[in-house]
PDB file of N, CA and C in Angstrom:
ATOM      1  N   MET A   1       0.517 -13.824 -13.843  1.00  0.00           N
ATOM      2  CA  MET A   1      -0.268 -13.702 -12.617  1.00  0.00           C
ATOM      3  C   MET A   1       0.618 -13.867 -11.382  1.00  0.00           C
ATOM      4  N   LYS A   2       1.554 -14.820 -11.457  1.00  0.00           N
ATOM      5  CA  LYS A   2       2.427 -15.068 -10.315  1.00  0.00           C
ATOM      6  C   LYS A   2       3.270 -13.838  -9.992  1.00  0.00           C
ATOM      7  N   GLN A   3       3.680 -13.103 -11.047  1.00  0.00           N
ATOM      8  CA  GLN A   3       4.480 -11.898 -10.831  1.00  0.00           C
ATOM      9  C   GLN A   3       3.659 -10.825 -10.109  1.00  0.00           C
ATOM     10  N   LYS A   4       2.385 -10.716 -10.450  1.00  0.00           N
ATOM     11  CA  LYS A   4       1.529  -9.731  -9.780  1.00  0.00           C
ATOM     12  C   LYS A   4       1.332 -10.097  -8.311  1.00  0.00           C
ATOM     13  N   LEU A   5       1.218 -11.382  -7.994  1.00  0.00           N
ATOM     14  CA  LEU A   5       1.045 -11.807  -6.606  1.00  0.00           C
ATOM     15  C   LEU A   5       2.317 -11.609  -5.783  1.00  0.00           C
ATOM     16  N   ALA A   6       3.444 -11.483  -6.445  1.00  0.00           N
ATOM     17  CA  ALA A   6       4.703 -11.255  -5.740  1.00  0.00           C
ATOM     18  C   ALA A   6       4.960  -9.770  -5.497  1.00  0.00           C
ATOM     19  N   SER A   7       4.058  -8.922  -5.941  1.00  0.00           N
ATOM     20  CA  SER A   7       4.228  -7.482  -5.808  1.00  0.00           C
ATOM     21  C   SER A   7       4.151  -7.041  -4.348  1.00  0.00           C
ATOM     22  N   ARG A   8       5.182  -6.350  -3.895  1.00  0.00           N
ATOM     23  CA  ARG A   8       5.179  -5.832  -2.520  1.00  0.00           C
ATOM     24  C   ARG A   8       4.132  -4.750  -2.345  1.00  0.00           C
ATOM     25  N   LYS A   9       3.890  -3.983  -3.403  1.00  0.00           N
ATOM     26  CA  LYS A   9       2.860  -2.936  -3.332  1.00  0.00           C
ATOM     27  C   LYS A   9       1.487  -3.561  -3.111  1.00  0.00           C
ATOM     28  N   LEU A  10       1.208  -4.640  -3.821  1.00  0.00           N
ATOM     29  CA  LEU A  10      -0.079  -5.320  -3.673  1.00  0.00           C
ATOM     30  C   LEU A  10      -0.250  -5.830  -2.246  1.00  0.00           C
ATOM     31  N   TRP A  11       0.767  -6.491  -1.717  1.00  0.00           N
ATOM     32  CA  TRP A  11       0.652  -7.049  -0.362  1.00  0.00           C
ATOM     33  C   TRP A  11       0.573  -5.960   0.703  1.00  0.00           C
ATOM     34  N   ALA A  12       1.253  -4.849   0.492  1.00  0.00           N
ATOM     35  CA  ALA A  12       1.141  -3.730   1.437  1.00  0.00           C
ATOM     36  C   ALA A  12      -0.280  -3.199   1.455  1.00  0.00           C
ATOM     37  N   ALA A  13      -0.890  -3.070   0.278  1.00  0.00           N
ATOM     38  CA  ALA A  13      -2.268  -2.593   0.205  1.00  0.00           C
ATOM     39  C   ALA A  13      -3.233  -3.599   0.828  1.00  0.00           C
ATOM     40  N   ILE A  14      -3.027  -4.877   0.577  1.00  0.00           N
ATOM     41  CA  ILE A  14      -3.897  -5.914   1.141  1.00  0.00           C
ATOM     42  C   ILE A  14      -3.796  -5.939   2.657  1.00  0.00           C
ATOM     43  N   ILE A  15      -2.582  -5.880   3.179  1.00  0.00           N
ATOM     44  CA  ILE A  15      -2.399  -5.908   4.639  1.00  0.00           C
ATOM     45  C   ILE A  15      -3.045  -4.698   5.289  1.00  0.00           C
ATOM     46  N   THR A  16      -2.925  -3.535   4.671  1.00  0.00           N
ATOM     47  CA  THR A  16      -3.557  -2.334   5.203  1.00  0.00           C
ATOM     48  C   THR A  16      -5.073  -2.473   5.211  1.00  0.00           C
ATOM     49  N   ALA A  17      -5.627  -2.978   4.106  1.00  0.00           N
ATOM     50  CA  ALA A  17      -7.080  -3.160   4.024  1.00  0.00           C
ATOM     51  C   ALA A  17      -7.564  -4.165   5.068  1.00  0.00           C
ATOM     52  N   VAL A  18      -6.840  -5.252   5.237  1.00  0.00           N
ATOM     53  CA  VAL A  18      -7.222  -6.259   6.234  1.00  0.00           C
ATOM     54  C   VAL A  18      -7.137  -5.674   7.641  1.00  0.00           C
ATOM     55  N   ALA A  19      -6.103  -4.902   7.912  1.00  0.00           N
ATOM     56  CA  ALA A  19      -5.969  -4.285   9.238  1.00  0.00           C
ATOM     57  C   ALA A  19      -7.141  -3.363   9.526  1.00  0.00           C
ATOM     58  N   MET A  20      -7.544  -2.578   8.540  1.00  0.00           N
ATOM     59  CA  MET A  20      -8.683  -1.682   8.733  1.00  0.00           C
ATOM     60  C   MET A  20      -9.980  -2.474   8.911  1.00  0.00           C
ATOM     61  N   LEU A  21     -10.149  -3.555   8.162  1.00  0.00           N
ATOM     62  CA  LEU A  21     -11.345  -4.387   8.313  1.00  0.00           C
ATOM     63  C   LEU A  21     -11.398  -5.059   9.680  1.00  0.00           C
ATOM     64  N   VAL A  22     -10.265  -5.547  10.144  1.00  0.00           N
ATOM     65  CA  VAL A  22     -10.215  -6.202  11.460  1.00  0.00           C
ATOM     66  C   VAL A  22     -10.592  -5.213  12.552  1.00  0.00           C
ATOM     67  N   THR A  23     -10.087  -3.989  12.462  1.00  0.00           N
ATOM     68  CA  THR A  23     -10.430  -3.008  13.490  1.00  0.00           C
ATOM     69  C   THR A  23     -11.911  -2.654  13.431  1.00  0.00           C
ATOM     70  N   ALA A  24     -12.487  -2.626  12.230  1.00  0.00           N
ATOM     71  CA  ALA A  24     -13.914  -2.305  12.099  1.00  0.00           C
ATOM     72  C   ALA A  24     -14.780  -3.445  12.617  1.00  0.00           C
ATOM     73  N   VAL A  25     -14.421  -4.678  12.299  1.00  0.00           N
ATOM     74  CA  VAL A  25     -15.228  -5.838  12.685  1.00  0.00           C
ATOM     75  C   VAL A  25     -15.127  -6.109  14.185  1.00  0.00           C
ATOM     76  N   THR A  26     -13.946  -5.967  14.746  1.00  0.00           N
ATOM     77  CA  THR A  26     -13.758  -6.274  16.161  1.00  0.00           C
ATOM     78  C   THR A  26     -14.222  -5.140  17.071  1.00  0.00           C
ATOM     79  N   GLY A  27     -14.500  -3.997  16.484  1.00  0.00           N
ATOM     80  CA  GLY A  27     -14.979  -2.877  17.286  1.00  0.00           C
ATOM     81  C   GLY A  27     -13.876  -2.104  17.976  1.00  0.00           C
ATOM     82  N   ILE A  28     -12.644  -2.327  17.571  1.00  0.00           N
ATOM     83  CA  ILE A  28     -11.525  -1.579  18.147  1.00  0.00           C
ATOM     84  C   ILE A  28     -11.658  -0.122  17.710  1.00  0.00           C
ATOM     85  N   GLU A  29     -11.645   0.755  18.662  1.00  0.00           N
ATOM     86  CA  GLU A  29     -11.779   2.182  18.369  1.00  0.00           C
ATOM     87  C   GLU A  29     -10.404   2.781  18.116  1.00  0.00           C
ATOM     88  N   LEU A  30     -10.219   3.333  16.932  1.00  0.00           N
ATOM     89  CA  LEU A  30      -8.984   4.023  16.596  1.00  0.00           C
ATOM     90  C   LEU A  30      -9.313   5.484  16.323  1.00  0.00           C
ATOM     91  N   ASP A  31      -8.479   6.370  16.853  1.00  0.00           N
ATOM     92  CA  ASP A  31      -8.706   7.780  16.531  1.00  0.00           C
ATOM     93  C   ASP A  31      -8.039   8.103  15.197  1.00  0.00           C
ATOM     94  N   LEU A  32      -8.260   9.299  14.713  1.00  0.00           N
ATOM     95  CA  LEU A  32      -7.779   9.694  13.391  1.00  0.00           C
ATOM     96  C   LEU A  32      -6.265   9.579  13.277  1.00  0.00           C
ATOM     97  N   GLU A  33      -5.537   9.951  14.311  1.00  0.00           N
ATOM     98  CA  GLU A  33      -4.076   9.877  14.263  1.00  0.00           C
ATOM     99  C   GLU A  33      -3.596   8.446  14.100  1.00  0.00           C
ATOM    100  N   GLN A  34      -4.236   7.500  14.758  1.00  0.00           N
ATOM    101  CA  GLN A  34      -3.843   6.096  14.638  1.00  0.00           C
ATOM    102  C   GLN A  34      -4.145   5.559  13.240  1.00  0.00           C
ATOM    103  N   ILE A  35      -5.292   5.923  12.711  1.00  0.00           N
ATOM    104  CA  ILE A  35      -5.661   5.471  11.366  1.00  0.00           C
ATOM    105  C   ILE A  35      -4.674   6.040  10.342  1.00  0.00           C
ATOM    106  N   LEU A  36      -4.381   7.325  10.457  1.00  0.00           N
ATOM    107  CA  LEU A  36      -3.424   7.936   9.539  1.00  0.00           C
ATOM    108  C   LEU A  36      -2.025   7.352   9.719  1.00  0.00           C
ATOM    109  N   GLY A  37      -1.698   6.976  10.941  1.00  0.00           N
ATOM    110  CA  GLY A  37      -0.410   6.343  11.208  1.00  0.00           C
ATOM    111  C   GLY A  37      -0.265   4.993  10.540  1.00  0.00           C
ATOM    112  N   ILE A  38      -1.363   4.357  10.249  1.00  0.00           N
ATOM    113  CA  ILE A  38      -1.348   3.085   9.527  1.00  0.00           C
ATOM    114  C   ILE A  38      -1.373   3.325   8.021  1.00  0.00           C
ATOM    115  N   ILE A  39      -2.244   4.196   7.575  1.00  0.00           N
ATOM    116  CA  ILE A  39      -2.491   4.359   6.144  1.00  0.00           C
ATOM    117  C   ILE A  39      -1.413   5.181   5.441  1.00  0.00           C
ATOM    118  N   LEU A  40      -0.979   6.285   6.023  1.00  0.00           N
ATOM    119  CA  LEU A  40      -0.057   7.181   5.318  1.00  0.00           C
ATOM    120  C   LEU A  40       1.307   6.554   4.996  1.00  0.00           C
ATOM    121  N   PRO A  41       1.947   5.848   5.917  1.00  0.00           N
ATOM    122  CA  PRO A  41       3.232   5.235   5.537  1.00  0.00           C
ATOM    123  C   PRO A  41       3.084   4.200   4.421  1.00  0.00           C
ATOM    124  N   ILE A  42       2.004   3.426   4.458  1.00  0.00           N
ATOM    125  CA  ILE A  42       1.777   2.430   3.410  1.00  0.00           C
ATOM    126  C   ILE A  42       1.519   3.128   2.079  1.00  0.00           C
ATOM    127  N   THR A  43       0.728   4.193   2.101  1.00  0.00           N
ATOM    128  CA  THR A  43       0.451   4.938   0.876  1.00  0.00           C
ATOM    129  C   THR A  43       1.735   5.551   0.324  1.00  0.00           C
ATOM    130  N   ALA A  44       2.554   6.118   1.182  1.00  0.00           N
ATOM    131  CA  ALA A  44       3.825   6.698   0.740  1.00  0.00           C
ATOM    132  C   ALA A  44       4.727   5.620   0.151  1.00  0.00           C
ATOM    133  N   TYR A  45       4.762   4.450   0.758  1.00  0.00           N
ATOM    134  CA  TYR A  45       5.563   3.341   0.246  1.00  0.00           C
ATOM    135  C   TYR A  45       5.084   2.922  -1.140  1.00  0.00           C
ATOM    136  N   ILE A  46       3.771   2.779  -1.297  1.00  0.00           N
ATOM    137  CA  ILE A  46       3.217   2.350  -2.586  1.00  0.00           C
ATOM    138  C   ILE A  46       3.525   3.377  -3.675  1.00  0.00           C
ATOM    139  N   PHE A  47       3.307   4.664  -3.388  1.00  0.00           N
ATOM    140  CA  PHE A  47       3.605   5.695  -4.383  1.00  0.00           C
ATOM    141  C   PHE A  47       5.106   5.781  -4.666  1.00  0.00           C
ATOM    142  N   GLY A  48       5.925   5.622  -3.658  1.00  0.00           N
ATOM    143  CA  GLY A  48       7.378   5.640  -3.856  1.00  0.00           C
ATOM    144  C   GLY A  48       7.843   4.499  -4.739  1.00  0.00           C
ATOM    145  N   GLU A  49       7.345   3.312  -4.475  1.00  0.00           N
ATOM    146  CA  GLU A  49       7.703   2.160  -5.302  1.00  0.00           C
ATOM    147  C   GLU A  49       7.183   2.316  -6.724  1.00  0.00           C
ATOM    148  N   ALA A  50       5.992   2.857  -6.877  1.00  0.00           N
ATOM    149  CA  ALA A  50       5.441   3.072  -8.221  1.00  0.00           C
ATOM    150  C   ALA A  50       6.297   4.073  -8.986  1.00  0.00           C
ATOM    151  N   TRP A  51       6.782   5.101  -8.307  1.00  0.00           N
ATOM    152  CA  TRP A  51       7.636   6.100  -8.946  1.00  0.00           C
ATOM    153  C   TRP A  51       8.953   5.471  -9.397  1.00  0.00           C
ATOM    154  N   VAL A  52       9.553   4.658  -8.530  1.00  0.00           N
ATOM    155  CA  VAL A  52      10.799   3.976  -8.884  1.00  0.00           C
ATOM    156  C   VAL A  52      10.559   3.028 -10.054  1.00  0.00           C
ATOM    157  N   ASP A  53       9.466   2.296 -10.028  1.00  0.00           N
ATOM    158  CA  ASP A  53       9.137   1.390 -11.129  1.00  0.00           C
ATOM    159  C   ASP A  53       8.949   2.155 -12.428  1.00  0.00           C
ATOM    160  N   ALA A  54       8.312   3.307 -12.363  1.00  0.00           N
ATOM    161  CA  ALA A  54       8.093   4.118 -13.564  1.00  0.00           C
ATOM    162  C   ALA A  54       9.417   4.623 -14.137  1.00  0.00           C
ATOM    163  N   LEU A  55      10.379   4.913 -13.295  1.00  0.00           N
ATOM    164  CA  LEU A  55      11.684   5.379 -13.775  1.00  0.00           C
ATOM    165  C   LEU A  55      12.464   4.263 -14.467  1.00  0.00           C
ATOM    166  N   ARG A  56      12.177   3.017 -14.142  1.00  0.00           N
ATOM    167  CA  ARG A  56      12.866   1.884 -14.753  1.00  0.00           C
ATOM    168  C   ARG A  56      12.403   1.613 -16.184  1.00  0.00           C
ATOM    169  N   VAL A  57      11.195   2.011 -16.509  1.00  0.00           N
ATOM    170  CA  VAL A  57      10.629   1.736 -17.827  1.00  0.00           C
ATOM    171  C   VAL A  57      11.202   2.735 -18.828  1.00  0.00           C
ATOM    172  N   PRO A  58      11.841   2.238 -19.894  1.00  0.00           N
ATOM    173  CA  PRO A  58      12.369   3.181 -20.892  1.00  0.00           C
ATOM    174  C   PRO A  58      11.237   3.891 -21.628  1.00  0.00           C
ATOM    175  N   ARG A  59      11.429   5.180 -21.859  1.00  0.00           N
ATOM    176  CA  ARG A  59      10.416   5.966 -22.547  1.00  0.00           C
ATOM    177  C   ARG A  59      10.628   5.879 -24.046  1.00  0.00           C
ATOM    178  N   ALA A  60       9.579   6.151 -24.795  1.00  0.00           N
ATOM    179  CA  ALA A  60       9.673   6.129 -26.256  1.00  0.00           C
ATOM    180  C   ALA A  60      10.645   7.212 -26.726  1.00  0.00           C
ATOM    181  N   GLY A  61      11.529   6.860 -27.622  1.00  0.00           N
ATOM    182  CA  GLY A  61      12.473   7.820 -28.148  1.00  0.00           C
ATOM    183  C   GLY A  61      13.768   7.896 -27.374  1.00  0.00           C
ATOM    184  N   GLU A  62      13.913   7.126 -26.333  1.00  0.00           N
ATOM    185  CA  GLU A  62      15.163   7.154 -25.543  1.00  0.00           C
ATOM    186  C   GLU A  62      15.984   5.934 -25.827  1.00  0.00           C
TER     187      GLU A  62
END
């Protein structure tokens, strides 16, 4: 469990979700470009890290 909590991907996703919730609760108006400016880099980071992690795992037969 401790290893999962140390995951940078997990914390990036949590921070993004909290940022979106804070903007919704506080009534801060963000246009589509601002929202995408927050979400897309985090999503790219998470997918990039997942891809690198997948390359580290040895495949069957190798």
